[in-house]
Amino acid sequence: IKASKISKLMNRHEESICSVLLEKLSQLPVRIYGRTRMEGREANIALTSHNHTSAELSRLISKKGIATKYGHFYAYRILDRMDLNPDDGVLRISFAHYNTLEETLRLVNGLTQIF
């Protein structure tokens, strides 16, 4: 029972900070894959930029001290069906219970500066 309560607490935290990011991303020149609201999704976001490759975007955001990943994430067929180059793939931003709102806002500011 205690583990279940802790898990729910961590999930609520991840959802709250990911919701902030989803809201802010809607104002940037990116395409979010999957739901644009937290209902029915995990605290991971896959996106592509209208202005940069996923590799470029990951490199630029890493210069601001923020870790992201890019690539196909073993979803070759899905990327192919979406006409995305699997070598570049998507930029993935993942949240966990230890991430903070401050880190999320730093990510948003970094992305805003890049665009």
N, C-alpha and C. Protein backbone atom coordinates (compact mmCIF):
# COMPACT_ATOMS: atom_id res chain seq x y z
N ILE A 1 0.84 -1.19 0.00
CA ILE A 1 0.00 0.00 0.00
C ILE A 1 0.88 1.25 0.00
N LYS A 2 1.92 1.25 0.84
CA LYS A 2 2.81 2.41 0.91
C LYS A 2 3.51 2.63 -0.43
N ALA A 3 3.98 1.56 -1.06
CA ALA A 3 4.65 1.67 -2.36
C ALA A 3 3.70 2.24 -3.41
N SER A 4 2.46 1.84 -3.36
CA SER A 4 1.46 2.34 -4.31
C SER A 4 1.24 3.84 -4.13
N LYS A 5 1.19 4.29 -2.90
CA LYS A 5 1.01 5.72 -2.62
C LYS A 5 2.22 6.51 -3.11
N ILE A 6 3.41 5.98 -2.89
CA ILE A 6 4.63 6.65 -3.34
C ILE A 6 4.66 6.71 -4.86
N SER A 7 4.29 5.61 -5.51
CA SER A 7 4.26 5.58 -6.97
C SER A 7 3.29 6.61 -7.52
N LYS A 8 2.12 6.72 -6.92
CA LYS A 8 1.14 7.71 -7.37
C LYS A 8 1.65 9.13 -7.15
N LEU A 9 2.32 9.36 -6.05
CA LEU A 9 2.89 10.68 -5.77
C LEU A 9 3.94 11.05 -6.81
N MET A 10 4.82 10.10 -7.14
CA MET A 10 5.85 10.35 -8.16
C MET A 10 5.20 10.60 -9.51
N ASN A 11 4.19 9.82 -9.85
CA ASN A 11 3.51 9.98 -11.13
C ASN A 11 2.84 11.35 -11.23
N ARG A 12 2.20 11.79 -10.18
CA ARG A 12 1.56 13.12 -10.19
C ARG A 12 2.59 14.22 -10.39
N HIS A 13 3.75 14.09 -9.75
CA HIS A 13 4.81 15.08 -9.91
C HIS A 13 5.30 15.11 -11.36
N GLU A 14 5.58 13.94 -11.93
CA GLU A 14 6.04 13.87 -13.32
C GLU A 14 4.99 14.47 -14.26
N GLU A 15 3.74 14.16 -14.04
CA GLU A 15 2.67 14.72 -14.87
C GLU A 15 2.60 16.23 -14.76
N SER A 16 2.79 16.76 -13.56
CA SER A 16 2.66 18.22 -13.39
C SER A 16 3.77 18.96 -14.13
N ILE A 17 5.01 18.48 -14.05
CA ILE A 17 6.08 19.20 -14.75
C ILE A 17 6.04 18.95 -16.25
N CYS A 18 5.61 17.77 -16.64
CA CYS A 18 5.50 17.49 -18.08
C CYS A 18 4.36 18.32 -18.70
N SER A 19 3.31 18.55 -17.95
CA SER A 19 2.20 19.40 -18.43
C SER A 19 2.69 20.81 -18.73
N VAL A 20 3.55 21.32 -17.86
CA VAL A 20 4.12 22.66 -18.08
C VAL A 20 4.89 22.67 -19.39
N LEU A 21 5.70 21.66 -19.61
CA LEU A 21 6.49 21.60 -20.84
C LEU A 21 5.59 21.49 -22.06
N LEU A 22 4.59 20.64 -22.02
CA LEU A 22 3.69 20.48 -23.16
C LEU A 22 3.01 21.81 -23.50
N GLU A 23 2.59 22.54 -22.49
CA GLU A 23 1.95 23.84 -22.71
C GLU A 23 2.91 24.80 -23.40
N LYS A 24 4.14 24.86 -22.91
CA LYS A 24 5.14 25.78 -23.48
C LYS A 24 5.57 25.36 -24.87
N LEU A 25 5.69 24.05 -25.11
CA LEU A 25 6.08 23.58 -26.44
C LEU A 25 5.06 23.96 -27.51
N SER A 26 3.80 24.08 -27.11
CA SER A 26 2.76 24.43 -28.08
C SER A 26 2.98 25.82 -28.67
N GLN A 27 3.84 26.62 -28.05
CA GLN A 27 4.13 27.97 -28.53
C GLN A 27 5.41 28.03 -29.35
N LEU A 28 6.07 26.88 -29.55
CA LEU A 28 7.34 26.84 -30.29
C LEU A 28 7.16 26.10 -31.61
N PRO A 29 8.07 26.32 -32.57
CA PRO A 29 7.94 25.67 -33.88
C PRO A 29 8.40 24.21 -33.84
N VAL A 30 7.63 23.39 -33.12
CA VAL A 30 7.93 21.97 -33.01
C VAL A 30 6.66 21.16 -33.25
N ARG A 31 6.86 19.91 -33.59
CA ARG A 31 5.73 18.98 -33.69
C ARG A 31 5.90 17.96 -32.58
N ILE A 32 4.88 17.84 -31.74
CA ILE A 32 4.87 16.88 -30.65
C ILE A 32 4.19 15.61 -31.17
N TYR A 33 4.82 14.47 -30.94
CA TYR A 33 4.23 13.19 -31.33
C TYR A 33 3.54 12.59 -30.13
N GLY A 34 2.32 12.16 -30.35
CA GLY A 34 1.50 11.66 -29.25
C GLY A 34 0.56 12.74 -28.77
N ARG A 35 -0.04 12.48 -27.68
CA ARG A 35 -1.02 13.41 -27.12
C ARG A 35 -0.35 14.71 -26.68
N THR A 36 -1.07 15.79 -26.84
CA THR A 36 -0.52 17.10 -26.45
C THR A 36 -0.94 17.50 -25.03
N ARG A 37 -1.65 16.61 -24.37
CA ARG A 37 -2.03 16.80 -22.97
C ARG A 37 -1.60 15.57 -22.20
N MET A 38 -1.51 15.65 -20.91
CA MET A 38 -0.99 14.55 -20.11
C MET A 38 -1.95 13.38 -19.97
N GLU A 39 -3.24 13.60 -20.16
CA GLU A 39 -4.19 12.50 -20.03
C GLU A 39 -3.83 11.41 -21.04
N GLY A 40 -3.56 10.21 -20.53
CA GLY A 40 -3.29 9.07 -21.39
C GLY A 40 -1.88 8.97 -21.91
N ARG A 41 -0.94 9.72 -21.36
CA ARG A 41 0.45 9.61 -21.82
C ARG A 41 1.38 9.55 -20.62
N GLU A 42 2.58 9.09 -20.88
CA GLU A 42 3.62 9.06 -19.86
C GLU A 42 4.39 10.38 -19.92
N ALA A 43 5.29 10.58 -18.98
CA ALA A 43 6.03 11.85 -18.90
C ALA A 43 7.28 11.81 -19.78
N ASN A 44 7.07 11.44 -21.04
CA ASN A 44 8.11 11.44 -22.06
C ASN A 44 7.54 12.13 -23.28
N ILE A 45 8.34 12.97 -23.92
CA ILE A 45 7.86 13.70 -25.08
C ILE A 45 8.81 13.45 -26.24
N ALA A 46 8.24 13.09 -27.37
CA ALA A 46 8.99 12.97 -28.61
C ALA A 46 8.56 14.11 -29.51
N LEU A 47 9.53 14.80 -30.11
CA LEU A 47 9.19 15.93 -30.96
C LEU A 47 10.21 16.09 -32.07
N THR A 48 9.82 16.84 -33.06
CA THR A 48 10.74 17.29 -34.10
C THR A 48 10.58 18.80 -34.24
N SER A 49 11.63 19.42 -34.74
CA SER A 49 11.65 20.86 -34.91
C SER A 49 11.43 21.21 -36.37
N HIS A 50 10.78 22.32 -36.59
CA HIS A 50 10.61 22.83 -37.95
C HIS A 50 11.88 23.52 -38.43
N ASN A 51 12.78 23.87 -37.50
CA ASN A 51 13.97 24.66 -37.83
C ASN A 51 15.29 23.90 -37.74
N HIS A 52 15.31 22.78 -37.02
CA HIS A 52 16.56 22.06 -36.76
C HIS A 52 16.32 20.56 -36.88
N THR A 53 17.38 19.83 -37.22
CA THR A 53 17.28 18.38 -37.13
C THR A 53 17.24 18.02 -35.65
N SER A 54 16.81 16.80 -35.38
CA SER A 54 16.78 16.35 -33.98
C SER A 54 18.18 16.32 -33.39
N ALA A 55 19.16 15.91 -34.20
CA ALA A 55 20.55 15.88 -33.74
C ALA A 55 21.04 17.29 -33.40
N GLU A 56 20.75 18.25 -34.26
CA GLU A 56 21.16 19.64 -34.00
C GLU A 56 20.50 20.17 -32.74
N LEU A 57 19.22 19.92 -32.61
CA LEU A 57 18.48 20.42 -31.46
C LEU A 57 19.03 19.81 -30.16
N SER A 58 19.33 18.52 -30.17
CA SER A 58 19.90 17.88 -29.00
C SER A 58 21.26 18.47 -28.65
N ARG A 59 22.07 18.72 -29.68
CA ARG A 59 23.39 19.30 -29.46
C ARG A 59 23.28 20.72 -28.90
N LEU A 60 22.37 21.52 -29.46
CA LEU A 60 22.20 22.90 -29.00
C LEU A 60 21.70 22.96 -27.56
N ILE A 61 20.76 22.10 -27.23
CA ILE A 61 20.21 22.12 -25.87
C ILE A 61 21.25 21.59 -24.88
N SER A 62 22.12 20.68 -25.33
CA SER A 62 23.16 20.15 -24.42
C SER A 62 24.16 21.24 -24.05
N LYS A 63 24.37 22.22 -24.94
CA LYS A 63 25.26 23.35 -24.63
C LYS A 63 24.72 24.19 -23.47
N LYS A 64 23.45 24.02 -23.17
CA LYS A 64 22.83 24.75 -22.07
C LYS A 64 22.76 23.87 -20.81
N GLY A 65 23.46 22.72 -20.86
CA GLY A 65 23.52 21.85 -19.70
C GLY A 65 22.28 20.99 -19.49
N ILE A 66 21.55 20.73 -20.57
CA ILE A 66 20.31 19.96 -20.48
C ILE A 66 20.47 18.70 -21.32
N ALA A 67 20.20 17.57 -20.72
CA ALA A 67 20.36 16.29 -21.42
C ALA A 67 19.07 15.87 -22.10
N THR A 68 19.18 15.56 -23.38
CA THR A 68 18.09 14.97 -24.15
C THR A 68 18.72 13.86 -24.99
N LYS A 69 17.90 13.10 -25.66
CA LYS A 69 18.37 12.09 -26.60
C LYS A 69 17.64 12.29 -27.91
N TYR A 70 18.28 11.84 -28.98
CA TYR A 70 17.60 11.85 -30.26
C TYR A 70 17.86 10.52 -30.95
N GLY A 71 17.01 10.20 -31.90
CA GLY A 71 17.22 8.98 -32.66
C GLY A 71 15.93 8.26 -32.97
N HIS A 72 16.07 7.00 -33.32
CA HIS A 72 14.91 6.19 -33.73
C HIS A 72 14.29 5.43 -32.56
N PHE A 73 15.04 5.20 -31.50
CA PHE A 73 14.55 4.50 -30.32
C PHE A 73 13.89 3.16 -30.68
N TYR A 74 14.49 2.51 -31.68
CA TYR A 74 14.05 1.19 -32.16
C TYR A 74 12.64 1.21 -32.74
N ALA A 75 12.20 2.35 -33.19
CA ALA A 75 10.87 2.48 -33.80
C ALA A 75 11.01 2.79 -35.29
N TYR A 76 11.84 2.02 -35.96
CA TYR A 76 12.13 2.26 -37.38
C TYR A 76 10.87 2.34 -38.24
N ARG A 77 10.00 1.35 -38.09
CA ARG A 77 8.81 1.30 -38.95
C ARG A 77 7.87 2.47 -38.70
N ILE A 78 7.74 2.85 -37.45
CA ILE A 78 6.86 3.99 -37.13
C ILE A 78 7.43 5.27 -37.75
N LEU A 79 8.74 5.49 -37.59
CA LEU A 79 9.35 6.68 -38.16
C LEU A 79 9.24 6.67 -39.68
N ASP A 80 9.43 5.52 -40.27
CA ASP A 80 9.30 5.40 -41.72
C ASP A 80 7.88 5.76 -42.17
N ARG A 81 6.89 5.31 -41.46
CA ARG A 81 5.49 5.61 -41.82
C ARG A 81 5.17 7.08 -41.64
N MET A 82 5.93 7.76 -40.76
CA MET A 82 5.72 9.20 -40.54
C MET A 82 6.65 10.03 -41.42
N ASP A 83 7.35 9.36 -42.35
CA ASP A 83 8.29 10.02 -43.26
C ASP A 83 9.39 10.77 -42.51
N LEU A 84 9.86 10.18 -41.42
CA LEU A 84 10.98 10.74 -40.67
C LEU A 84 12.22 9.88 -40.91
N ASN A 85 13.35 10.53 -41.07
CA ASN A 85 14.61 9.84 -41.26
C ASN A 85 14.98 9.13 -39.95
N PRO A 86 15.05 7.81 -39.94
CA PRO A 86 15.35 7.12 -38.69
C PRO A 86 16.74 7.43 -38.14
N ASP A 87 17.67 7.88 -38.97
CA ASP A 87 19.00 8.24 -38.47
C ASP A 87 18.93 9.49 -37.60
N ASP A 88 18.00 10.39 -37.91
CA ASP A 88 17.82 11.60 -37.09
C ASP A 88 16.69 11.40 -36.10
N GLY A 89 15.63 10.77 -36.52
CA GLY A 89 14.52 10.42 -35.64
C GLY A 89 13.84 11.60 -35.00
N VAL A 90 13.63 11.48 -33.71
CA VAL A 90 12.94 12.50 -32.92
C VAL A 90 13.83 12.88 -31.75
N LEU A 91 13.54 14.03 -31.18
CA LEU A 91 14.17 14.44 -29.92
C LEU A 91 13.27 13.92 -28.81
N ARG A 92 13.86 13.26 -27.83
CA ARG A 92 13.07 12.73 -26.71
C ARG A 92 13.47 13.43 -25.43
N ILE A 93 12.46 13.91 -24.73
CA ILE A 93 12.62 14.54 -23.42
C ILE A 93 11.88 13.65 -22.42
N SER A 94 12.59 13.17 -21.43
CA SER A 94 12.00 12.25 -20.46
C SER A 94 12.08 12.84 -19.06
N PHE A 95 10.99 12.68 -18.33
CA PHE A 95 10.93 13.15 -16.96
C PHE A 95 10.91 11.98 -15.99
N ALA A 96 11.41 12.22 -14.81
CA ALA A 96 11.36 11.25 -13.72
C ALA A 96 11.02 11.99 -12.43
N HIS A 97 10.80 11.24 -11.38
CA HIS A 97 10.36 11.84 -10.12
C HIS A 97 11.36 12.82 -9.54
N TYR A 98 12.62 12.74 -9.93
CA TYR A 98 13.63 13.64 -9.37
C TYR A 98 13.78 14.94 -10.15
N ASN A 99 13.13 15.07 -11.30
CA ASN A 99 13.19 16.33 -12.03
C ASN A 99 12.34 17.38 -11.32
N THR A 100 12.73 18.64 -11.52
CA THR A 100 12.05 19.73 -10.81
C THR A 100 11.37 20.68 -11.79
N LEU A 101 10.49 21.50 -11.27
CA LEU A 101 9.85 22.53 -12.07
C LEU A 101 10.91 23.51 -12.57
N GLU A 102 11.88 23.83 -11.73
CA GLU A 102 12.94 24.76 -12.13
C GLU A 102 13.71 24.22 -13.34
N GLU A 103 14.01 22.92 -13.34
CA GLU A 103 14.68 22.31 -14.49
C GLU A 103 13.82 22.37 -15.74
N THR A 104 12.54 22.16 -15.55
CA THR A 104 11.61 22.23 -16.69
C THR A 104 11.58 23.62 -17.28
N LEU A 105 11.54 24.63 -16.43
CA LEU A 105 11.53 26.02 -16.91
C LEU A 105 12.86 26.38 -17.56
N ARG A 106 13.96 25.84 -17.05
CA ARG A 106 15.26 26.05 -17.68
C ARG A 106 15.28 25.43 -19.09
N LEU A 107 14.68 24.26 -19.23
CA LEU A 107 14.56 23.63 -20.55
C LEU A 107 13.72 24.49 -21.48
N VAL A 108 12.60 24.98 -21.00
CA VAL A 108 11.74 25.85 -21.81
C VAL A 108 12.50 27.10 -22.24
N ASN A 109 13.21 27.73 -21.31
CA ASN A 109 13.99 28.92 -21.66
C ASN A 109 15.07 28.60 -22.68
N GLY A 110 15.74 27.46 -22.51
CA GLY A 110 16.76 27.06 -23.46
C GLY A 110 16.20 26.84 -24.85
N LEU A 111 15.06 26.15 -24.93
CA LEU A 111 14.43 25.93 -26.23
C LEU A 111 13.97 27.24 -26.87
N THR A 112 13.42 28.12 -26.04
CA THR A 112 12.97 29.41 -26.55
C THR A 112 14.14 30.21 -27.13
N GLN A 113 15.28 30.18 -26.45
CA GLN A 113 16.47 30.88 -26.96
C GLN A 113 16.95 30.27 -28.28
N ILE A 114 16.87 28.96 -28.40
CA ILE A 114 17.32 28.29 -29.63
C ILE A 114 16.43 28.69 -30.81
N PHE A 115 15.14 28.80 -30.57
CA PHE A 115 14.21 29.14 -31.66
C PHE A 115 14.11 30.63 -31.84
